[in-house]
Amino acid sequence: MNKKSLSKASLKQALVGCGLTLLTGSLVAAPTGNVTPGGNIPGILDVTLTDDAGIAALDLTINEPNRLITTVNERTNNKNGYTVTLTSLNGITSGVFLGAVDAETLPYSMTYNGVAVTLVAGSATVTDVNAKTLGAGVDKPLRIAYDGTSVFLAPDAYADTLTFTIAAK
């Protein structure tokens, strides 16, 4: 019996000794040490439109020389830059308000960030830069001009859809 008790006591001492060795071994300093923090940054490629109030109910019977339609926020962290393309659903060389029923039209011109926009086959590259934006992006206004006094349109709902697409270089 004594042997058995002694064996248990010896076993306990051995386990305690091993535990202390493991604990003190992990606290021993080494001449060098490494830590490698890291993470990933996802690519950001965004356009956000902030439409001006009332753009869905424009008075198309007046001469409107410079109406703000939307402000586009272009944002990317692509260091090689980006392009933004504007596409009109109805226009070929300029924007066109198209009647839903009678298909009558009222053309309009556009400026993007103060620069005239000319569509080719319904689209135009309105931004082409070789750098990333600031973190908050870049705000650019889209304005249109039309002369509703020059035509006598039938009663209808007139609209166009403009699409902005951002692409990385």
N, C-alpha and C. Protein backbone atom coordinates (compact mmCIF):
# COMPACT_ATOMS: atom_id res chain seq x y z
N MET A 1 0.82 -1.18 0.00
CA MET A 1 0.00 0.00 0.00
C MET A 1 0.86 1.24 0.00
N ASN A 2 1.89 1.16 0.80
CA ASN A 2 2.77 2.30 0.87
C ASN A 2 3.37 2.59 -0.49
N LYS A 3 3.69 1.51 -1.19
CA LYS A 3 4.23 1.68 -2.54
C LYS A 3 3.24 2.40 -3.44
N LYS A 4 1.97 1.98 -3.30
CA LYS A 4 0.94 2.59 -4.12
C LYS A 4 0.81 4.07 -3.79
N SER A 5 0.78 4.43 -2.51
CA SER A 5 0.68 5.82 -2.10
C SER A 5 1.91 6.59 -2.54
N LEU A 6 3.02 5.98 -2.41
CA LEU A 6 4.25 6.63 -2.82
C LEU A 6 4.24 6.88 -4.31
N SER A 7 3.73 5.96 -5.07
CA SER A 7 3.64 6.12 -6.52
C SER A 7 2.73 7.28 -6.87
N LYS A 8 1.60 7.41 -6.16
CA LYS A 8 0.70 8.53 -6.44
C LYS A 8 1.38 9.84 -6.09
N ALA A 9 2.07 9.85 -4.96
CA ALA A 9 2.76 11.07 -4.54
C ALA A 9 3.87 11.41 -5.52
N SER A 10 4.60 10.41 -5.97
CA SER A 10 5.66 10.65 -6.94
C SER A 10 5.10 11.17 -8.25
N LEU A 11 3.97 10.59 -8.61
CA LEU A 11 3.32 11.02 -9.85
C LEU A 11 2.88 12.48 -9.74
N LYS A 12 2.31 12.85 -8.61
CA LYS A 12 1.88 14.24 -8.39
C LYS A 12 3.07 15.18 -8.47
N GLN A 13 4.17 14.80 -7.82
CA GLN A 13 5.37 15.65 -7.85
C GLN A 13 5.90 15.80 -9.27
N ALA A 14 5.88 14.71 -10.00
CA ALA A 14 6.38 14.75 -11.38
C ALA A 14 5.50 15.66 -12.23
N LEU A 15 4.19 15.55 -12.05
CA LEU A 15 3.27 16.40 -12.83
C LEU A 15 3.44 17.87 -12.47
N VAL A 16 3.58 18.16 -11.19
CA VAL A 16 3.78 19.54 -10.76
C VAL A 16 5.11 20.06 -11.31
N GLY A 17 6.14 19.26 -11.28
CA GLY A 17 7.44 19.66 -11.80
C GLY A 17 7.38 19.93 -13.30
N CYS A 18 6.68 19.05 -14.03
CA CYS A 18 6.53 19.26 -15.49
C CYS A 18 5.77 20.54 -15.76
N GLY A 19 4.71 20.76 -14.99
CA GLY A 19 3.91 21.97 -15.19
C GLY A 19 4.73 23.22 -14.96
N LEU A 20 5.57 23.22 -13.89
CA LEU A 20 6.42 24.37 -13.63
C LEU A 20 7.46 24.56 -14.73
N THR A 21 7.99 23.45 -15.24
CA THR A 21 8.96 23.54 -16.32
C THR A 21 8.31 24.14 -17.56
N LEU A 22 7.09 23.67 -17.87
CA LEU A 22 6.37 24.21 -19.04
C LEU A 22 6.08 25.69 -18.85
N LEU A 23 5.63 26.05 -17.64
CA LEU A 23 5.31 27.45 -17.40
C LEU A 23 6.55 28.33 -17.50
N THR A 24 7.61 27.94 -16.83
CA THR A 24 8.81 28.76 -16.85
C THR A 24 9.48 28.72 -18.21
N GLY A 25 9.31 27.61 -18.94
CA GLY A 25 9.88 27.51 -20.28
C GLY A 25 9.24 28.51 -21.23
N SER A 26 7.94 28.75 -21.06
CA SER A 26 7.27 29.68 -21.96
C SER A 26 7.59 31.13 -21.60
N LEU A 27 8.14 31.37 -20.44
CA LEU A 27 8.47 32.71 -20.03
C LEU A 27 9.94 33.06 -20.29
N VAL A 28 10.70 32.11 -20.78
CA VAL A 28 12.11 32.34 -21.03
C VAL A 28 12.25 33.23 -22.27
N ALA A 29 13.02 34.29 -22.18
CA ALA A 29 13.23 35.22 -23.29
C ALA A 29 14.15 34.60 -24.33
N ALA A 30 13.88 34.96 -25.59
CA ALA A 30 14.74 34.51 -26.69
C ALA A 30 15.47 35.73 -27.24
N PRO A 31 16.55 35.53 -27.99
CA PRO A 31 17.30 36.67 -28.51
C PRO A 31 16.52 37.46 -29.59
N THR A 32 15.56 36.82 -30.26
CA THR A 32 14.72 37.53 -31.24
C THR A 32 13.30 37.02 -31.13
N GLY A 33 12.37 37.79 -31.65
CA GLY A 33 10.96 37.37 -31.66
C GLY A 33 10.26 38.02 -32.84
N ASN A 34 9.33 37.34 -33.40
CA ASN A 34 8.60 37.86 -34.56
C ASN A 34 7.11 37.89 -34.29
N VAL A 35 6.47 38.89 -34.82
CA VAL A 35 5.02 38.96 -34.84
C VAL A 35 4.66 39.53 -36.22
N THR A 36 3.63 38.98 -36.86
CA THR A 36 3.28 39.41 -38.21
C THR A 36 1.81 39.83 -38.25
N PRO A 37 1.54 41.09 -37.87
CA PRO A 37 0.17 41.57 -38.01
C PRO A 37 -0.12 41.82 -39.49
N GLY A 38 -1.35 41.73 -39.88
CA GLY A 38 -1.69 41.97 -41.28
C GLY A 38 -3.19 42.02 -41.49
N GLY A 39 -3.58 42.30 -42.68
CA GLY A 39 -4.98 42.35 -43.04
C GLY A 39 -5.11 42.64 -44.52
N ASN A 40 -6.32 42.67 -44.99
CA ASN A 40 -6.59 42.93 -46.40
C ASN A 40 -7.46 44.16 -46.55
N ILE A 41 -7.21 44.93 -47.59
CA ILE A 41 -8.03 46.08 -47.95
C ILE A 41 -8.78 45.70 -49.22
N PRO A 42 -10.09 45.71 -49.18
CA PRO A 42 -10.83 45.38 -50.40
C PRO A 42 -10.78 46.53 -51.39
N GLY A 43 -10.92 46.20 -52.66
CA GLY A 43 -11.00 47.24 -53.68
C GLY A 43 -12.32 47.98 -53.56
N ILE A 44 -12.27 49.29 -53.71
CA ILE A 44 -13.48 50.12 -53.66
C ILE A 44 -13.66 50.77 -55.02
N LEU A 45 -14.83 50.64 -55.57
CA LEU A 45 -15.17 51.18 -56.88
C LEU A 45 -16.66 51.52 -56.83
N ASP A 46 -16.96 52.78 -56.46
CA ASP A 46 -18.35 53.17 -56.22
C ASP A 46 -18.72 54.46 -56.94
N VAL A 47 -19.96 54.52 -57.41
CA VAL A 47 -20.60 55.79 -57.77
C VAL A 47 -21.87 55.88 -56.94
N THR A 48 -22.08 57.02 -56.33
CA THR A 48 -23.27 57.28 -55.54
C THR A 48 -23.93 58.54 -56.07
N LEU A 49 -25.21 58.44 -56.39
CA LEU A 49 -25.94 59.58 -56.94
C LEU A 49 -26.83 60.20 -55.87
N THR A 50 -26.76 61.51 -55.76
CA THR A 50 -27.65 62.26 -54.88
C THR A 50 -28.50 63.15 -55.77
N ASP A 51 -29.72 62.70 -56.03
CA ASP A 51 -30.60 63.41 -56.94
C ASP A 51 -31.10 64.71 -56.33
N ASP A 52 -31.22 65.73 -57.17
CA ASP A 52 -31.77 66.99 -56.75
C ASP A 52 -33.29 66.85 -56.60
N ALA A 53 -33.87 67.59 -55.70
CA ALA A 53 -35.31 67.50 -55.47
C ALA A 53 -36.09 67.90 -56.73
N GLY A 54 -37.14 67.19 -57.00
CA GLY A 54 -38.04 67.55 -58.08
C GLY A 54 -37.66 67.10 -59.47
N ILE A 55 -36.64 66.26 -59.61
CA ILE A 55 -36.22 65.91 -60.97
C ILE A 55 -37.20 64.99 -61.68
N ALA A 56 -38.08 64.35 -60.95
CA ALA A 56 -39.07 63.48 -61.59
C ALA A 56 -40.29 64.27 -62.07
N ALA A 57 -40.34 65.55 -61.73
CA ALA A 57 -41.49 66.38 -62.11
C ALA A 57 -41.02 67.70 -62.71
N LEU A 58 -40.09 67.63 -63.64
CA LEU A 58 -39.58 68.85 -64.29
C LEU A 58 -40.67 69.49 -65.13
N ASP A 59 -40.65 70.80 -65.21
CA ASP A 59 -41.56 71.53 -66.10
C ASP A 59 -40.92 71.53 -67.48
N LEU A 60 -41.41 70.68 -68.35
CA LEU A 60 -40.83 70.55 -69.68
C LEU A 60 -41.40 71.55 -70.68
N THR A 61 -42.22 72.48 -70.22
CA THR A 61 -42.78 73.51 -71.12
C THR A 61 -41.98 74.80 -71.09
N ILE A 62 -40.95 74.86 -70.24
CA ILE A 62 -40.17 76.09 -70.11
C ILE A 62 -38.79 75.93 -70.75
N ASN A 63 -38.09 77.05 -70.83
CA ASN A 63 -36.69 77.05 -71.25
C ASN A 63 -35.85 76.92 -69.98
N GLU A 64 -35.17 75.79 -69.83
CA GLU A 64 -34.35 75.52 -68.64
C GLU A 64 -32.89 75.48 -69.05
N PRO A 65 -32.12 76.53 -68.73
CA PRO A 65 -30.74 76.60 -69.24
C PRO A 65 -29.69 75.85 -68.42
N ASN A 66 -29.98 75.48 -67.15
CA ASN A 66 -28.90 74.94 -66.32
C ASN A 66 -29.46 74.27 -65.07
N ARG A 67 -30.17 73.18 -65.22
CA ARG A 67 -30.87 72.53 -64.10
C ARG A 67 -30.01 71.41 -63.52
N LEU A 68 -29.72 71.51 -62.21
CA LEU A 68 -29.00 70.44 -61.53
C LEU A 68 -29.92 69.23 -61.45
N ILE A 69 -29.42 68.08 -61.90
CA ILE A 69 -30.19 66.85 -61.87
C ILE A 69 -29.72 65.95 -60.73
N THR A 70 -28.42 65.74 -60.65
CA THR A 70 -27.86 64.88 -59.61
C THR A 70 -26.41 65.27 -59.37
N THR A 71 -25.91 64.89 -58.22
CA THR A 71 -24.49 65.01 -57.92
C THR A 71 -23.96 63.59 -57.77
N VAL A 72 -22.92 63.30 -58.54
CA VAL A 72 -22.33 61.96 -58.56
C VAL A 72 -21.07 61.97 -57.71
N ASN A 73 -21.00 61.05 -56.77
CA ASN A 73 -19.78 60.88 -55.99
C ASN A 73 -19.02 59.69 -56.57
N GLU A 74 -17.84 59.97 -57.10
CA GLU A 74 -16.96 58.93 -57.65
C GLU A 74 -15.94 58.58 -56.57
N ARG A 75 -15.79 57.27 -56.32
CA ARG A 75 -14.89 56.87 -55.22
C ARG A 75 -14.21 55.55 -55.57
N THR A 76 -12.87 55.56 -55.51
CA THR A 76 -12.11 54.33 -55.71
C THR A 76 -10.76 54.43 -55.01
N ASN A 77 -10.26 53.27 -54.61
CA ASN A 77 -8.90 53.21 -54.05
C ASN A 77 -7.95 52.51 -55.03
N ASN A 78 -8.37 52.40 -56.28
CA ASN A 78 -7.53 51.80 -57.32
C ASN A 78 -6.44 52.81 -57.71
N LYS A 79 -5.20 52.50 -57.41
CA LYS A 79 -4.11 53.46 -57.65
C LYS A 79 -3.85 53.72 -59.13
N ASN A 80 -4.33 52.84 -60.02
CA ASN A 80 -4.14 53.05 -61.46
C ASN A 80 -5.19 53.95 -62.07
N GLY A 81 -6.22 54.29 -61.29
CA GLY A 81 -7.24 55.20 -61.77
C GLY A 81 -8.52 54.49 -62.17
N TYR A 82 -9.39 55.26 -62.85
CA TYR A 82 -10.72 54.75 -63.17
C TYR A 82 -11.35 55.59 -64.27
N THR A 83 -12.42 55.06 -64.82
CA THR A 83 -13.24 55.81 -65.77
C THR A 83 -14.69 55.77 -65.28
N VAL A 84 -15.43 56.80 -65.66
CA VAL A 84 -16.88 56.81 -65.42
C VAL A 84 -17.53 57.07 -66.77
N THR A 85 -18.50 56.20 -67.09
CA THR A 85 -19.24 56.32 -68.34
C THR A 85 -20.69 56.67 -68.03
N LEU A 86 -21.23 57.62 -68.78
CA LEU A 86 -22.63 58.01 -68.67
C LEU A 86 -23.34 57.47 -69.90
N THR A 87 -24.48 56.81 -69.70
CA THR A 87 -25.25 56.25 -70.80
C THR A 87 -26.69 56.73 -70.70
N SER A 88 -27.25 57.17 -71.83
CA SER A 88 -28.65 57.58 -71.90
C SER A 88 -29.46 56.45 -72.52
N LEU A 89 -30.59 56.13 -71.92
CA LEU A 89 -31.47 55.10 -72.46
C LEU A 89 -32.06 55.53 -73.80
N ASN A 90 -32.40 56.81 -73.95
CA ASN A 90 -33.09 57.30 -75.14
C ASN A 90 -32.20 58.05 -76.13
N GLY A 91 -31.13 58.64 -75.65
CA GLY A 91 -30.33 59.52 -76.49
C GLY A 91 -29.28 58.80 -77.31
N ILE A 92 -28.94 59.41 -78.43
CA ILE A 92 -27.87 58.91 -79.30
C ILE A 92 -26.69 59.88 -79.23
N THR A 93 -26.96 61.18 -79.46
CA THR A 93 -25.91 62.19 -79.41
C THR A 93 -26.13 63.18 -78.27
N SER A 94 -27.33 63.19 -77.71
CA SER A 94 -27.63 64.01 -76.53
C SER A 94 -28.71 63.27 -75.75
N GLY A 95 -29.03 63.80 -74.58
CA GLY A 95 -30.13 63.21 -73.83
C GLY A 95 -31.44 63.50 -74.53
N VAL A 96 -32.43 62.64 -74.31
CA VAL A 96 -33.74 62.83 -74.93
C VAL A 96 -34.82 62.40 -73.93
N PHE A 97 -35.74 63.34 -73.65
CA PHE A 97 -36.95 62.97 -72.92
C PHE A 97 -37.88 62.32 -73.95
N LEU A 98 -38.32 61.12 -73.65
CA LEU A 98 -39.18 60.37 -74.57
C LEU A 98 -40.55 60.17 -73.94
N GLY A 99 -41.61 60.48 -74.73
CA GLY A 99 -42.96 60.28 -74.25
C GLY A 99 -43.29 58.80 -74.13
N ALA A 100 -43.97 58.43 -73.06
CA ALA A 100 -44.28 57.02 -72.80
C ALA A 100 -45.33 56.48 -73.76
N VAL A 101 -46.27 57.32 -74.19
CA VAL A 101 -47.36 56.86 -75.04
C VAL A 101 -47.13 57.23 -76.50
N ASP A 102 -46.95 58.50 -76.76
CA ASP A 102 -46.86 58.99 -78.14
C ASP A 102 -45.44 58.98 -78.71
N ALA A 103 -44.46 58.71 -77.90
CA ALA A 103 -43.06 58.66 -78.32
C ALA A 103 -42.56 59.98 -78.91
N GLU A 104 -43.19 61.08 -78.52
CA GLU A 104 -42.64 62.39 -78.89
C GLU A 104 -41.40 62.63 -78.05
N THR A 105 -40.53 63.51 -78.52
CA THR A 105 -39.24 63.71 -77.85
C THR A 105 -38.93 65.17 -77.59
N LEU A 106 -38.16 65.39 -76.56
CA LEU A 106 -37.59 66.70 -76.23
C LEU A 106 -36.11 66.46 -75.92
N PRO A 107 -35.22 66.92 -76.81
CA PRO A 107 -33.79 66.73 -76.53
C PRO A 107 -33.30 67.67 -75.44
N TYR A 108 -32.25 67.25 -74.78
CA TYR A 108 -31.60 68.10 -73.78
C TYR A 108 -30.10 67.91 -73.85
N SER A 109 -29.37 68.92 -73.45
CA SER A 109 -27.91 68.83 -73.38
C SER A 109 -27.50 68.65 -71.93
N MET A 110 -26.27 68.20 -71.74
CA MET A 110 -25.77 67.92 -70.39
C MET A 110 -24.38 68.51 -70.18
N THR A 111 -24.09 68.86 -68.93
CA THR A 111 -22.72 69.14 -68.50
C THR A 111 -22.45 68.27 -67.28
N TYR A 112 -21.23 67.77 -67.21
CA TYR A 112 -20.81 66.95 -66.09
C TYR A 112 -19.57 67.60 -65.49
N ASN A 113 -19.70 68.05 -64.27
CA ASN A 113 -18.62 68.76 -63.60
C ASN A 113 -18.18 69.98 -64.41
N GLY A 114 -19.17 70.63 -65.06
CA GLY A 114 -18.92 71.85 -65.82
C GLY A 114 -18.45 71.64 -67.25
N VAL A 115 -18.32 70.40 -67.69
CA VAL A 115 -17.83 70.09 -69.04
C VAL A 115 -18.99 69.53 -69.87
N ALA A 116 -19.16 70.05 -71.09
CA ALA A 116 -20.22 69.58 -71.97
C ALA A 116 -20.07 68.09 -72.26
N VAL A 117 -21.19 67.37 -72.27
CA VAL A 117 -21.20 65.94 -72.54
C VAL A 117 -21.77 65.72 -73.93
N THR A 118 -21.01 65.03 -74.78
CA THR A 118 -21.50 64.64 -76.10
C THR A 118 -21.55 63.13 -76.14
N LEU A 119 -22.75 62.62 -76.37
CA LEU A 119 -22.91 61.16 -76.44
C LEU A 119 -22.52 60.65 -77.82
N VAL A 120 -21.94 59.49 -77.84
CA VAL A 120 -21.65 58.77 -79.08
C VAL A 120 -22.33 57.41 -78.92
N ALA A 121 -23.30 57.16 -79.77
CA ALA A 121 -24.09 55.93 -79.68
C ALA A 121 -24.72 55.78 -78.29
N GLY A 122 -25.10 56.91 -77.70
CA GLY A 122 -25.81 56.90 -76.43
C GLY A 122 -24.97 56.92 -75.18
N SER A 123 -23.63 56.98 -75.30
CA SER A 123 -22.82 57.03 -74.08
C SER A 123 -21.60 57.92 -74.26
N ALA A 124 -21.02 58.30 -73.12
CA ALA A 124 -19.83 59.14 -73.12
C ALA A 124 -19.00 58.82 -71.88
N THR A 125 -17.69 58.84 -72.03
CA THR A 125 -16.79 58.75 -70.88
C THR A 125 -16.70 60.15 -70.29
N VAL A 126 -17.17 60.31 -69.06
CA VAL A 126 -17.20 61.63 -68.44
C VAL A 126 -16.06 61.84 -67.45
N THR A 127 -15.41 60.75 -67.05
CA THR A 127 -14.23 60.85 -66.18
C THR A 127 -13.21 59.81 -66.65
N ASP A 128 -11.96 60.24 -66.74
CA ASP A 128 -10.86 59.34 -67.08
C ASP A 128 -9.63 59.85 -66.35
N VAL A 129 -9.31 59.24 -65.21
CA VAL A 129 -8.18 59.69 -64.40
C VAL A 129 -7.25 58.52 -64.11
N ASN A 130 -6.00 58.85 -63.84
CA ASN A 130 -4.97 57.83 -63.60
C ASN A 130 -4.53 57.79 -62.14
N ALA A 131 -5.45 58.00 -61.23
CA ALA A 131 -5.13 57.97 -59.80
C ALA A 131 -6.38 57.59 -59.02
N LYS A 132 -6.18 57.23 -57.76
CA LYS A 132 -7.33 56.96 -56.91
C LYS A 132 -7.91 58.28 -56.42
N THR A 133 -9.13 58.22 -55.89
CA THR A 133 -9.75 59.41 -55.32
C THR A 133 -9.33 59.57 -53.87
N LEU A 134 -9.73 60.65 -53.26
CA LEU A 134 -9.60 60.79 -51.82
C LEU A 134 -10.57 59.80 -51.17
N GLY A 135 -10.41 59.55 -49.91
CA GLY A 135 -11.27 58.59 -49.22
C GLY A 135 -12.75 58.92 -49.29
N ALA A 136 -13.08 60.21 -49.28
CA ALA A 136 -14.49 60.62 -49.36
C ALA A 136 -15.00 60.63 -50.80
N GLY A 137 -14.13 60.40 -51.76
CA GLY A 137 -14.55 60.44 -53.16
C GLY A 137 -14.54 61.86 -53.71
N VAL A 138 -15.04 62.01 -54.94
CA VAL A 138 -15.08 63.30 -55.62
C VAL A 138 -16.52 63.54 -56.07
N ASP A 139 -17.11 64.67 -55.67
CA ASP A 139 -18.47 65.03 -56.07
C ASP A 139 -18.45 65.81 -57.38
N LYS A 140 -19.30 65.38 -58.32
CA LYS A 140 -19.40 66.04 -59.62
C LYS A 140 -20.87 66.23 -59.99
N PRO A 141 -21.27 67.48 -60.28
CA PRO A 141 -22.66 67.73 -60.61
C PRO A 141 -22.97 67.39 -62.08
N LEU A 142 -24.18 66.87 -62.31
CA LEU A 142 -24.71 66.69 -63.65
C LEU A 142 -25.84 67.69 -63.82
N ARG A 143 -25.72 68.54 -64.84
CA ARG A 143 -26.74 69.55 -65.14
C ARG A 143 -27.26 69.32 -66.54
N ILE A 144 -28.53 69.68 -66.75
CA ILE A 144 -29.11 69.57 -68.09
C ILE A 144 -29.70 70.92 -68.50
N ALA A 145 -29.87 71.07 -69.80
CA ALA A 145 -30.53 72.25 -70.37
C ALA A 145 -31.47 71.78 -71.46
N TYR A 146 -32.66 72.37 -71.50
CA TYR A 146 -33.64 72.04 -72.54
C TYR A 146 -34.50 73.27 -72.79
N ASP A 147 -35.15 73.27 -73.95
CA ASP A 147 -36.05 74.37 -74.29
C ASP A 147 -37.41 73.79 -74.67
N GLY A 148 -38.27 73.72 -73.68
CA GLY A 148 -39.62 73.21 -73.90
C GLY A 148 -40.52 74.19 -74.62
N THR A 149 -40.07 75.46 -74.77
CA THR A 149 -40.87 76.45 -75.49
C THR A 149 -40.74 76.29 -77.00
N SER A 150 -39.75 75.54 -77.43
CA SER A 150 -39.49 75.39 -78.87
C SER A 150 -40.31 74.26 -79.51
N VAL A 151 -41.00 73.48 -78.69
CA VAL A 151 -41.81 72.37 -79.20
C VAL A 151 -43.19 72.44 -78.56
N PHE A 152 -44.13 71.78 -79.19
CA PHE A 152 -45.49 71.72 -78.66
C PHE A 152 -45.83 70.25 -78.48
N LEU A 153 -45.45 69.72 -77.30
CA LEU A 153 -45.56 68.28 -77.05
C LEU A 153 -46.98 67.89 -76.61
N ALA A 154 -47.35 66.67 -76.97
CA ALA A 154 -48.62 66.10 -76.53
C ALA A 154 -48.54 65.80 -75.04
N PRO A 155 -49.70 65.79 -74.37
CA PRO A 155 -49.67 65.42 -72.95
C PRO A 155 -49.21 63.97 -72.79
N ASP A 156 -48.25 63.77 -71.95
CA ASP A 156 -47.65 62.44 -71.77
C ASP A 156 -46.68 62.51 -70.60
N ALA A 157 -46.17 61.40 -70.19
CA ALA A 157 -45.09 61.32 -69.20
C ALA A 157 -43.79 61.16 -69.99
N TYR A 158 -42.90 62.11 -69.85
CA TYR A 158 -41.63 62.11 -70.58
C TYR A 158 -40.49 61.80 -69.62
N ALA A 159 -39.55 60.98 -70.06
CA ALA A 159 -38.44 60.63 -69.18
C ALA A 159 -37.25 60.12 -70.00
N ASP A 160 -36.14 60.06 -69.35
CA ASP A 160 -34.93 59.42 -69.85
C ASP A 160 -34.29 58.76 -68.63
N THR A 161 -33.51 57.74 -68.85
CA THR A 161 -32.77 57.09 -67.77
C THR A 161 -31.29 57.24 -68.07
N LEU A 162 -30.57 57.82 -67.12
CA LEU A 162 -29.12 57.99 -67.25
C LEU A 162 -28.45 57.02 -66.30
N THR A 163 -27.46 56.30 -66.83
CA THR A 163 -26.74 55.30 -66.03
C THR A 163 -25.28 55.69 -65.95
N PHE A 164 -24.73 55.67 -64.75
CA PHE A 164 -23.31 55.95 -64.53
C PHE A 164 -22.62 54.65 -64.15
N THR A 165 -21.51 54.36 -64.85
CA THR A 165 -20.76 53.13 -64.59
C THR A 165 -19.31 53.49 -64.33
N ILE A 166 -18.77 53.02 -63.20
CA ILE A 166 -17.37 53.26 -62.86
C ILE A 166 -16.60 51.97 -63.11
N ALA A 167 -15.41 52.10 -63.69
CA ALA A 167 -14.58 50.93 -63.98
C ALA A 167 -13.13 51.24 -63.62
N ALA A 168 -12.46 50.26 -63.08
CA ALA A 168 -11.05 50.40 -62.72
C ALA A 168 -10.19 50.30 -63.98
N LYS A 169 -9.07 50.98 -63.95
CA LYS A 169 -8.10 50.88 -65.05
C LYS A 169 -7.17 49.73 -64.76
